């Protein structure tokens, strides 16, 4: 495996998992304060474009890592909508 491939895998793994701590915190606390819906929309768009780019280039590292990141961000978005009332009703 080339150094280029290893760097690509490492970069993809760190990027794809970067919002896991946010997702875990959201699940534990059930509070959405500090989660920007606009940021999630922009990120969804960027990740979807990266996945499309990966298909165009037939690059599975790009496709898999960005698909994983898109799933994490989708879960954050869904939980943000679900728990929005929890934060608002507690005056936070």
N, C-alpha and C. Protein backbone atom coordinates (compact mmCIF):
# COMPACT_ATOMS: atom_id res chain seq x y z
N UNK A 1 0.86 -1.18 0.00
CA UNK A 1 0.00 0.00 0.00
C UNK A 1 0.90 1.24 0.00
N UNK A 2 0.60 2.19 -0.85
CA UNK A 2 1.44 3.38 -0.98
C UNK A 2 1.21 4.35 0.17
N UNK A 3 2.17 5.23 0.38
CA UNK A 3 2.06 6.27 1.41
C UNK A 3 0.88 7.19 1.10
N UNK A 4 0.64 7.43 -0.18
CA UNK A 4 -0.49 8.26 -0.61
C UNK A 4 -1.82 7.65 -0.15
N UNK A 5 -1.95 6.35 -0.32
CA UNK A 5 -3.17 5.65 0.11
C UNK A 5 -3.31 5.68 1.61
N UNK A 6 -2.22 5.44 2.33
CA UNK A 6 -2.26 5.46 3.80
C UNK A 6 -2.64 6.84 4.34
N UNK A 7 -2.09 7.88 3.76
CA UNK A 7 -2.43 9.24 4.18
C UNK A 7 -3.90 9.52 3.89
N UNK A 8 -4.37 9.09 2.73
CA UNK A 8 -5.78 9.27 2.37
C UNK A 8 -6.71 8.55 3.33
N UNK A 9 -6.35 7.33 3.70
CA UNK A 9 -7.17 6.57 4.65
C UNK A 9 -7.17 7.25 6.02
N UNK A 10 -6.00 7.66 6.49
CA UNK A 10 -5.91 8.33 7.80
C UNK A 10 -6.70 9.64 7.81
N UNK A 11 -6.52 10.45 6.78
CA UNK A 11 -7.24 11.73 6.70
C UNK A 11 -8.75 11.49 6.65
N UNK A 12 -9.16 10.52 5.88
CA UNK A 12 -10.59 10.20 5.76
C UNK A 12 -11.16 9.70 7.08
N UNK A 13 -10.42 8.86 7.78
CA UNK A 13 -10.90 8.32 9.06
C UNK A 13 -11.07 9.43 10.09
N UNK A 14 -10.09 10.33 10.20
CA UNK A 14 -10.21 11.42 11.16
C UNK A 14 -11.33 12.38 10.80
N UNK A 15 -11.46 12.70 9.52
CA UNK A 15 -12.51 13.60 9.08
C UNK A 15 -13.89 12.98 9.29
N UNK A 16 -14.03 11.72 8.92
CA UNK A 16 -15.33 11.05 9.01
C UNK A 16 -15.79 10.91 10.46
N UNK A 17 -14.86 10.76 11.37
CA UNK A 17 -15.23 10.55 12.78
C UNK A 17 -15.17 11.83 13.61
N UNK A 18 -14.88 12.95 13.00
CA UNK A 18 -14.67 14.19 13.75
C UNK A 18 -15.89 14.64 14.54
N UNK A 19 -17.09 14.31 14.09
CA UNK A 19 -18.29 14.74 14.81
C UNK A 19 -18.89 13.64 15.70
N UNK A 20 -18.20 12.52 15.84
CA UNK A 20 -18.68 11.48 16.75
C UNK A 20 -18.82 12.00 18.19
N UNK A 21 -17.85 12.77 18.71
CA UNK A 21 -18.03 13.30 20.07
C UNK A 21 -19.29 14.16 20.20
N UNK A 22 -19.61 14.94 19.18
CA UNK A 22 -20.83 15.77 19.20
C UNK A 22 -22.07 14.88 19.23
N UNK A 23 -22.06 13.82 18.42
CA UNK A 23 -23.19 12.89 18.39
C UNK A 23 -23.38 12.20 19.74
N UNK A 24 -22.29 11.75 20.33
CA UNK A 24 -22.35 11.08 21.63
C UNK A 24 -22.88 12.04 22.70
N UNK A 25 -22.39 13.26 22.70
CA UNK A 25 -22.85 14.27 23.67
C UNK A 25 -24.35 14.54 23.48
N UNK A 26 -24.77 14.65 22.26
CA UNK A 26 -26.18 14.90 21.95
C UNK A 26 -27.07 13.75 22.43
N UNK A 27 -26.61 12.55 22.25
CA UNK A 27 -27.38 11.37 22.69
C UNK A 27 -27.45 11.33 24.22
N UNK A 28 -26.33 11.60 24.89
CA UNK A 28 -26.31 11.55 26.36
C UNK A 28 -27.12 12.67 27.00
N UNK A 29 -26.94 13.89 26.51
CA UNK A 29 -27.55 15.05 27.17
C UNK A 29 -28.94 15.39 26.65
N UNK A 30 -29.24 14.96 25.44
CA UNK A 30 -30.54 15.26 24.80
C UNK A 30 -30.81 16.77 24.76
N UNK A 31 -29.76 17.53 24.53
CA UNK A 31 -29.84 18.99 24.41
C UNK A 31 -29.17 19.39 23.10
N UNK A 32 -29.78 20.35 22.41
CA UNK A 32 -29.27 20.74 21.10
C UNK A 32 -28.55 22.09 21.09
N UNK A 33 -28.37 22.68 22.24
CA UNK A 33 -27.71 23.97 22.27
C UNK A 33 -26.32 23.87 21.63
N UNK A 34 -25.98 24.85 20.87
CA UNK A 34 -24.69 24.87 20.21
C UNK A 34 -24.63 24.12 18.89
N UNK A 35 -25.71 23.48 18.49
CA UNK A 35 -25.72 22.78 17.20
C UNK A 35 -26.33 23.71 16.17
N UNK A 36 -25.56 24.06 15.17
CA UNK A 36 -26.02 24.96 14.11
C UNK A 36 -26.64 24.16 12.98
N UNK A 37 -27.92 24.38 12.74
CA UNK A 37 -28.62 23.70 11.65
C UNK A 37 -28.05 24.13 10.31
N UNK A 38 -27.72 25.41 10.17
CA UNK A 38 -27.13 25.90 8.92
C UNK A 38 -25.79 25.20 8.64
N UNK A 39 -24.98 25.01 9.66
CA UNK A 39 -23.71 24.31 9.50
C UNK A 39 -23.96 22.88 9.03
N UNK A 40 -24.97 22.23 9.59
CA UNK A 40 -25.29 20.86 9.17
C UNK A 40 -25.74 20.81 7.71
N UNK A 41 -26.54 21.77 7.28
CA UNK A 41 -26.99 21.81 5.89
C UNK A 41 -25.81 21.99 4.95
N UNK A 42 -24.91 22.89 5.28
CA UNK A 42 -23.72 23.12 4.45
C UNK A 42 -22.86 21.86 4.43
N UNK A 43 -22.70 21.24 5.59
CA UNK A 43 -21.90 20.03 5.68
C UNK A 43 -22.54 18.87 4.91
N UNK A 44 -23.86 18.70 5.01
CA UNK A 44 -24.56 17.67 4.22
C UNK A 44 -24.26 17.85 2.74
N UNK A 45 -24.37 19.09 2.28
CA UNK A 45 -24.15 19.39 0.87
C UNK A 45 -22.73 19.04 0.46
N UNK A 46 -21.77 19.47 1.26
CA UNK A 46 -20.37 19.18 0.96
C UNK A 46 -20.08 17.69 0.94
N UNK A 47 -20.61 16.97 1.92
CA UNK A 47 -20.38 15.53 1.98
C UNK A 47 -21.03 14.81 0.80
N UNK A 48 -22.23 15.23 0.43
CA UNK A 48 -22.90 14.63 -0.72
C UNK A 48 -22.09 14.87 -1.99
N UNK A 49 -21.53 16.05 -2.13
CA UNK A 49 -20.69 16.35 -3.29
C UNK A 49 -19.40 15.52 -3.27
N UNK A 50 -18.81 15.33 -2.10
CA UNK A 50 -17.62 14.49 -1.99
C UNK A 50 -17.94 13.04 -2.39
N UNK A 51 -19.10 12.55 -1.97
CA UNK A 51 -19.49 11.19 -2.33
C UNK A 51 -19.66 11.08 -3.85
N UNK A 52 -20.33 12.06 -4.44
CA UNK A 52 -20.50 12.09 -5.90
C UNK A 52 -19.13 12.13 -6.59
N UNK A 53 -18.23 12.97 -6.09
CA UNK A 53 -16.87 13.06 -6.62
C UNK A 53 -16.16 11.71 -6.52
N UNK A 54 -16.33 11.05 -5.38
CA UNK A 54 -15.72 9.74 -5.20
C UNK A 54 -16.20 8.75 -6.24
N UNK A 55 -17.50 8.79 -6.55
CA UNK A 55 -18.02 7.91 -7.60
C UNK A 55 -17.44 8.28 -8.97
N UNK A 56 -17.33 9.57 -9.24
CA UNK A 56 -16.75 10.00 -10.51
C UNK A 56 -15.31 9.52 -10.67
N UNK A 57 -14.56 9.53 -9.56
CA UNK A 57 -13.16 9.12 -9.58
C UNK A 57 -12.98 7.64 -9.27
N UNK A 58 -14.09 6.94 -8.95
CA UNK A 58 -14.04 5.54 -8.55
C UNK A 58 -13.07 5.34 -7.39
N UNK A 59 -13.16 6.23 -6.40
CA UNK A 59 -12.27 6.22 -5.24
C UNK A 59 -13.07 5.81 -4.01
N UNK A 60 -12.90 4.54 -3.60
CA UNK A 60 -13.71 4.00 -2.50
C UNK A 60 -13.36 4.61 -1.16
N UNK A 61 -12.14 5.09 -0.99
CA UNK A 61 -11.78 5.76 0.27
C UNK A 61 -12.65 7.00 0.45
N UNK A 62 -12.78 7.79 -0.59
CA UNK A 62 -13.61 9.00 -0.54
C UNK A 62 -15.07 8.64 -0.35
N UNK A 63 -15.54 7.67 -1.06
CA UNK A 63 -16.96 7.27 -1.00
C UNK A 63 -17.32 6.77 0.40
N UNK A 64 -16.54 5.85 0.92
CA UNK A 64 -16.86 5.23 2.21
C UNK A 64 -16.74 6.23 3.35
N UNK A 65 -15.64 6.97 3.41
CA UNK A 65 -15.45 7.89 4.54
C UNK A 65 -16.49 9.00 4.55
N UNK A 66 -16.81 9.53 3.39
CA UNK A 66 -17.79 10.61 3.35
C UNK A 66 -19.21 10.09 3.54
N UNK A 67 -19.48 8.86 3.14
CA UNK A 67 -20.79 8.27 3.42
C UNK A 67 -20.96 8.07 4.92
N UNK A 68 -19.91 7.60 5.59
CA UNK A 68 -19.94 7.43 7.04
C UNK A 68 -20.17 8.78 7.73
N UNK A 69 -19.44 9.80 7.28
CA UNK A 69 -19.59 11.14 7.85
C UNK A 69 -21.01 11.68 7.60
N UNK A 70 -21.56 11.41 6.44
CA UNK A 70 -22.92 11.85 6.13
C UNK A 70 -23.93 11.19 7.06
N UNK A 71 -23.74 9.93 7.35
CA UNK A 71 -24.64 9.22 8.27
C UNK A 71 -24.55 9.83 9.67
N UNK A 72 -23.34 10.08 10.14
CA UNK A 72 -23.17 10.70 11.47
C UNK A 72 -23.86 12.06 11.50
N UNK A 73 -23.66 12.85 10.47
CA UNK A 73 -24.25 14.18 10.43
C UNK A 73 -25.77 14.13 10.27
N UNK A 74 -26.26 13.14 9.55
CA UNK A 74 -27.71 12.95 9.45
C UNK A 74 -28.28 12.64 10.84
N UNK A 75 -27.61 11.77 11.59
CA UNK A 75 -28.07 11.45 12.94
C UNK A 75 -28.04 12.68 13.84
N UNK A 76 -27.00 13.49 13.73
CA UNK A 76 -26.94 14.74 14.52
C UNK A 76 -28.10 15.64 14.13
N UNK A 77 -28.36 15.77 12.83
CA UNK A 77 -29.48 16.60 12.38
C UNK A 77 -30.82 16.09 12.88
N UNK A 78 -31.03 14.78 12.79
CA UNK A 78 -32.29 14.20 13.25
C UNK A 78 -32.46 14.38 14.76
N UNK A 79 -31.39 14.16 15.52
CA UNK A 79 -31.49 14.34 16.97
C UNK A 79 -31.64 15.81 17.35
N UNK A 80 -31.06 16.69 16.56
CA UNK A 80 -31.22 18.12 16.81
C UNK A 80 -32.69 18.51 16.69
N UNK A 81 -33.34 18.00 15.67
CA UNK A 81 -34.77 18.27 15.49
C UNK A 81 -35.57 17.62 16.61
N UNK A 82 -35.23 16.39 16.93
CA UNK A 82 -35.98 15.66 17.97
C UNK A 82 -35.83 16.29 19.35
N UNK A 83 -34.63 16.71 19.71
CA UNK A 83 -34.38 17.23 21.05
C UNK A 83 -34.47 18.75 21.15
N UNK A 84 -34.86 19.41 20.08
CA UNK A 84 -34.93 20.87 20.09
C UNK A 84 -35.84 21.37 21.20
N UNK A 85 -36.98 20.73 21.40
CA UNK A 85 -37.91 21.14 22.45
C UNK A 85 -37.32 20.94 23.84
N UNK A 86 -36.47 19.93 24.02
CA UNK A 86 -35.85 19.69 25.33
C UNK A 86 -35.02 20.89 25.75
N UNK A 87 -34.23 21.45 24.84
CA UNK A 87 -33.40 22.59 25.18
C UNK A 87 -34.24 23.84 25.39
N UNK A 88 -35.26 24.03 24.55
CA UNK A 88 -36.10 25.22 24.65
C UNK A 88 -36.95 25.21 25.93
N UNK A 89 -37.48 24.05 26.29
CA UNK A 89 -38.37 23.98 27.44
C UNK A 89 -37.63 24.12 28.76
N UNK A 90 -36.33 23.89 28.75
CA UNK A 90 -35.54 24.00 29.98
C UNK A 90 -34.87 25.37 30.08
N UNK A 91 -35.22 26.26 29.14
CA UNK A 91 -34.68 27.62 29.18
C UNK A 91 -33.23 27.69 28.79
N UNK A 92 -32.78 26.77 27.96
CA UNK A 92 -31.38 26.77 27.57
C UNK A 92 -31.20 27.17 26.15
